[in-house]
Structure formats: structure tokens, C-alpha cells
Amino acid sequence: LAQQPPTSPEPAPPTFGVTVVEPGGFCGRIYEIAPPPPKKNLDDCDVKLPRFRELNPIGRIYTRALAVPPRNLNEGFPGVTGRFEWFAIEYTARFWVAAPGKYAFSLLSDDGSALYIDDRRVIDNDCMHPPQTETGAIHLAGGLHTMRVGYFQGPRFSVALLLLVKPPAARKWRIFDTRSFAPPANPADWKYSADEALNAGADPCAAP
């Protein structure tokens, strides 16, 4: 049987939601979303990921990993202040692939989420739902790639967002941490072409 992705990380997840301003990390833009109008029988997919490009962000957070195991909403979502319900986050990052091949990804969320790599949707885990995991795979060439993870939190009572990866030939899932997908420190050692700004001390929210 195929190995199933874990529902919670082992060991404990790294610190999440702190200000980690580094070019290889995730930039998370926070958006306020409106709850749906009252409806007697609200369908789970009456609420889905918003069209982020049509919204204006109300804040930013930075992180190296999307590692929030299922938790009670009373604990809040790390890095998001002043909101417990009806918000969305769009995370963007650039990452470096040293070993080309087939990469499997696992995305657990409560509520909806989606994973895009190089503007191609790899995982669709949208709609309102309790903690739920979806997986997908993509062949990645060596070098620089872009990643985008959309997430939204609807009504109470729990939150979760956990992105795992299984690289080629790997037997176990692990948390996708941007530090593990950074280029060599010296651009002269880069096997594949890339923008040298990837190693500069720039704010990832300002990256193209």
C-alpha cells in the first residue's frame, strides 16, 4: 500500500508566523473575506477560496513553512491578529530544486486551500470542511520555481494548514521548509540558471 501522508508533523513543527524576512521564505498576504448571507442549508462549497487579485490585503506575515496542525480556533492562527473567522491568506515563495524529478505534495487544511507550482494547480482542497488532506504530484526540473498556496478560514471552530513534500526517491513525508529548497550560498556553484536576487536580503513580498 502507498504510504499515506501524516495528519500531523513529527517532530513538532517549526516556529510559524514569526517575522522571517528572507528572500527564500513565504510571503503571506492576509485578506478579509465576507461570510455568506444567511441560508438554512449552507452547502460546504457555497464558500470557496476568494479571487485574491480582486482583494486588497490587510496585512502580511512571513514564515519558512506552512505548519499549523489542526488546532482549536481559540488558539488563533499564528501571525494573524484581531481575526478568528472569515479571513484568507495567499502565500507565495520561490524555491530551488537541486534534484529534478517527481515531487509529491500533501496539503492539509481547515477550511479550504489550493497549491499552485509555476502557476499550475497541483492540489485542490477547496470549500469549507474540517481538517482534510489532499495530495498531488508534479515533475520539477532543476532550478528555480514559484509556489502559491491559497487558504481561507470560514466559521469556527478549528484551523489547520500543513504543507508536506516527498522528494524523488524519498520514503517519508516531511514539512516543506524553504530552507531545504534554497540554492547554494555561492551563485558560482549554481548548477542551473537563476536570478541572483534569490540570494539577496530582499523582502519576499517584494519579489516578482
Protein backbone atom coordinates (compact mmCIF):
# COMPACT_ATOMS: atom_id res chain seq x y z
CA LEU A 1 0.00 0.00 0.00
CA ALA A 2 1.13 3.53 -0.72
CA GLN A 3 2.34 5.41 2.31
CA GLN A 4 -0.26 7.93 3.45
CA PRO A 5 0.79 11.44 4.44
CA PRO A 6 0.71 12.00 8.19
CA THR A 7 -2.08 14.15 9.61
CA SER A 8 0.32 15.92 11.96
CA PRO A 9 4.05 16.51 11.65
CA GLU A 10 6.74 14.65 13.52
CA PRO A 11 8.75 16.10 15.12
CA ALA A 12 6.93 19.24 16.31
CA PRO A 13 6.55 21.84 13.55
CA PRO A 14 8.99 24.75 13.34
CA THR A 15 8.04 28.19 14.59
CA PHE A 16 5.33 29.61 12.37
CA GLY A 17 4.06 33.12 11.80
CA VAL A 18 7.04 35.00 13.14
CA THR A 19 8.68 37.69 11.04
CA VAL A 20 11.18 35.77 8.93
CA VAL A 21 12.05 38.24 6.21
CA GLU A 22 14.24 36.28 3.85
CA PRO A 23 14.01 36.01 0.04
CA GLY A 24 13.55 32.25 0.11
CA GLY A 25 10.71 32.27 2.63
CA PHE A 26 6.95 32.55 2.23
CA CYS A 27 5.25 35.91 1.98
CA GLY A 28 1.67 35.63 3.28
CA ARG A 29 -0.78 38.37 2.33
CA ILE A 30 -3.83 38.44 4.61
CA TYR A 31 -7.30 39.31 3.32
CA GLU A 32 -10.64 39.87 4.96
CA ILE A 33 -13.48 37.86 3.42
CA ALA A 34 -17.20 38.28 3.91
CA PRO A 35 -19.33 35.49 5.38
CA PRO A 36 -22.09 34.21 3.12
CA PRO A 37 -25.63 35.52 3.53
CA PRO A 38 -27.81 33.53 5.96
CA LYS A 39 -29.01 30.30 4.42
CA LYS A 40 -30.95 27.47 6.00
CA ASN A 41 -28.86 24.73 4.41
CA LEU A 42 -25.42 26.14 3.71
CA ASP A 43 -23.50 23.88 1.36
CA ASP A 44 -19.82 23.39 2.08
CA CYS A 45 -18.89 24.74 -1.34
CA ASP A 46 -21.06 27.83 -1.02
CA VAL A 47 -17.85 29.35 0.33
CA LYS A 48 -14.59 28.87 -1.59
CA LEU A 49 -11.19 30.48 -1.95
CA PRO A 50 -11.55 34.12 -2.97
CA ARG A 51 -10.16 35.70 -6.11
CA PHE A 52 -7.15 37.19 -4.38
CA ARG A 53 -6.32 39.59 -7.21
CA GLU A 54 -9.66 41.32 -6.66
CA LEU A 55 -8.95 41.98 -2.96
CA ASN A 56 -6.69 44.36 -1.06
CA PRO A 57 -4.51 42.80 1.65
CA ILE A 58 -4.97 43.97 5.22
CA GLY A 59 -1.62 42.64 6.47
CA ARG A 60 1.38 40.40 5.88
CA ILE A 61 3.05 37.51 7.66
CA TYR A 62 6.27 35.66 6.93
CA THR A 63 7.26 32.07 7.51
CA ARG A 64 9.60 29.33 6.27
CA ALA A 65 6.98 26.56 6.48
CA LEU A 66 3.21 26.18 6.45
CA ALA A 67 2.99 24.08 9.58
CA VAL A 68 -0.20 24.58 11.56
CA PRO A 69 -1.58 21.17 12.64
CA PRO A 70 -5.31 21.03 13.46
CA ARG A 71 -5.96 23.23 16.48
CA ASN A 72 -8.85 24.95 18.24
CA LEU A 73 -9.71 28.30 16.76
CA ASN A 74 -9.47 29.83 20.24
CA GLU A 75 -5.71 29.43 19.90
CA GLY A 76 -5.84 31.63 16.81
CA PHE A 77 -3.95 31.31 13.55
CA PRO A 78 -0.24 32.06 14.08
CA GLY A 79 0.67 35.51 12.88
CA VAL A 80 -2.90 36.65 12.29
CA THR A 81 -4.11 39.11 14.91
CA GLY A 82 -7.55 40.52 15.50
CA ARG A 83 -9.38 37.93 13.37
CA PHE A 84 -10.61 34.44 14.21
CA GLU A 85 -13.05 33.86 11.36
CA TRP A 86 -13.54 34.85 7.74
CA PHE A 87 -10.05 35.63 6.54
CA ALA A 88 -7.87 34.32 3.74
CA ILE A 89 -4.13 34.18 3.14
CA GLU A 90 -2.25 33.85 -0.12
CA TYR A 91 1.30 32.59 0.37
CA THR A 92 3.93 33.00 -2.33
CA ALA A 93 7.51 31.77 -2.44
CA ARG A 94 10.31 30.94 -4.83
CA PHE A 95 12.20 27.70 -4.24
CA TRP A 96 15.19 25.87 -5.65
CA VAL A 97 15.16 22.27 -6.88
CA ALA A 98 18.57 20.62 -6.77
CA ALA A 99 17.36 17.12 -7.72
CA PRO A 100 14.99 17.08 -10.72
CA GLY A 101 12.19 14.52 -10.67
CA LYS A 102 8.70 13.80 -9.41
CA TYR A 103 7.75 15.64 -6.22
CA ALA A 104 4.67 14.65 -4.23
CA PHE A 105 2.89 17.23 -2.08
CA SER A 106 0.32 16.89 0.68
CA LEU A 107 -1.89 19.77 1.79
CA LEU A 108 -4.00 19.52 4.95
CA SER A 109 -6.31 22.41 5.74
CA ASP A 110 -9.39 23.60 7.60
CA ASP A 111 -11.03 25.24 5.72
CA GLY A 112 -10.17 25.43 2.01
CA SER A 113 -6.78 25.54 0.31
CA ALA A 114 -5.02 25.03 -3.01
CA LEU A 115 -1.41 24.58 -4.14
CA TYR A 116 0.00 26.02 -7.37
CA ILE A 117 3.53 25.47 -8.66
CA ASP A 118 4.70 27.52 -11.62
CA ASP A 119 1.05 28.61 -12.00
CA ARG A 120 -0.09 25.01 -12.38
CA ARG A 121 -2.63 23.72 -9.85
CA VAL A 122 -1.18 20.67 -8.12
CA ILE A 123 -3.70 20.27 -5.25
CA ASP A 124 -7.31 21.39 -4.93
CA ASN A 125 -8.53 21.21 -1.32
CA ASP A 126 -11.12 23.96 -1.55
CA CYS A 127 -14.53 24.54 0.13
CA MET A 128 -15.45 24.62 3.82
CA HIS A 129 -14.54 21.39 5.61
CA PRO A 130 -12.97 20.00 8.78
CA PRO A 131 -9.26 19.10 8.64
CA GLN A 132 -8.86 17.32 5.31
CA THR A 133 -5.83 16.19 3.33
CA GLU A 134 -5.38 16.14 -0.44
CA THR A 135 -2.26 15.10 -2.34
CA GLY A 136 -0.77 15.75 -5.76
CA ALA A 137 2.46 15.31 -7.67
CA ILE A 138 4.42 17.21 -10.29
CA HIS A 139 7.64 16.70 -12.24
CA LEU A 140 10.05 19.53 -11.49
CA ALA A 141 13.14 20.45 -13.45
CA GLY A 142 16.25 21.58 -11.64
CA GLY A 143 16.48 25.24 -10.73
CA LEU A 144 14.10 27.97 -9.67
CA HIS A 145 10.31 27.51 -9.29
CA THR A 146 7.42 29.53 -7.91
CA MET A 147 4.86 28.34 -5.38
CA ARG A 148 1.49 29.77 -4.40
CA VAL A 149 -0.75 28.45 -1.61
CA GLY A 150 -4.22 29.89 -1.12
CA TYR A 151 -6.00 29.33 2.19
CA PHE A 152 -9.17 30.55 3.85
CA GLN A 153 -10.73 30.21 7.29
CA GLY A 154 -14.50 30.35 7.42
CA PRO A 155 -16.57 29.84 10.59
CA ARG A 156 -15.38 28.41 13.88
CA PHE A 157 -14.21 26.06 15.47
CA SER A 158 -10.82 24.87 14.20
CA VAL A 159 -7.95 25.85 11.91
CA ALA A 160 -5.23 23.90 10.10
CA LEU A 161 -2.71 24.43 7.31
CA LEU A 162 0.06 21.91 6.76
CA LEU A 163 2.15 21.52 3.59
CA LEU A 164 4.29 18.38 3.27
CA VAL A 165 6.60 17.19 0.49
CA LYS A 166 8.09 13.89 -0.60
CA PRO A 167 11.03 14.43 -2.99
CA PRO A 168 12.09 11.90 -5.62
CA ALA A 169 13.25 8.60 -4.11
CA ALA A 170 12.22 9.74 -0.61
CA ARG A 171 10.27 7.24 1.51
CA LYS A 172 8.85 9.63 4.08
CA TRP A 173 6.87 12.85 4.00
CA ARG A 174 8.35 15.94 5.61
CA ILE A 175 7.29 19.52 6.16
CA PHE A 176 8.06 21.72 3.18
CA ASP A 177 10.60 24.16 4.62
CA THR A 178 12.01 26.78 2.27
CA ARG A 179 15.44 26.45 3.91
CA SER A 180 15.66 22.94 2.42
CA PHE A 181 14.92 24.35 -1.03
CA ALA A 182 17.41 27.20 -1.19
CA PRO A 183 20.16 27.49 -3.82
CA PRO A 184 23.83 27.12 -2.88
CA ALA A 185 25.08 30.15 -0.99
CA ASN A 186 27.58 30.97 -3.75
CA PRO A 187 25.89 31.70 -7.11
CA ALA A 188 29.03 30.37 -8.80
CA ASP A 189 28.02 26.92 -7.53
CA TRP A 190 24.53 27.05 -9.05
CA LYS A 191 24.09 24.18 -11.46
CA TYR A 192 21.04 25.83 -13.01
CA SER A 193 20.48 29.41 -14.06
CA ALA A 194 18.57 31.69 -11.72
CA ASP A 195 18.04 35.27 -10.64
CA GLU A 196 20.80 36.19 -8.20
CA ALA A 197 18.23 38.25 -6.27
CA LEU A 198 17.06 34.92 -4.86
CA ASN A 199 20.04 35.07 -2.52
CA ALA A 200 19.78 38.77 -1.76
CA GLY A 201 18.39 40.08 1.52
CA ALA A 202 15.12 41.19 -0.03
CA ASP A 203 11.60 41.13 1.35
CA PRO A 204 9.85 38.13 -0.31
CA CYS A 205 6.68 40.23 -0.54
CA ALA A 206 8.56 42.47 -2.97
CA ALA A 207 9.76 39.57 -5.13
CA PRO A 208 8.26 39.27 -8.63
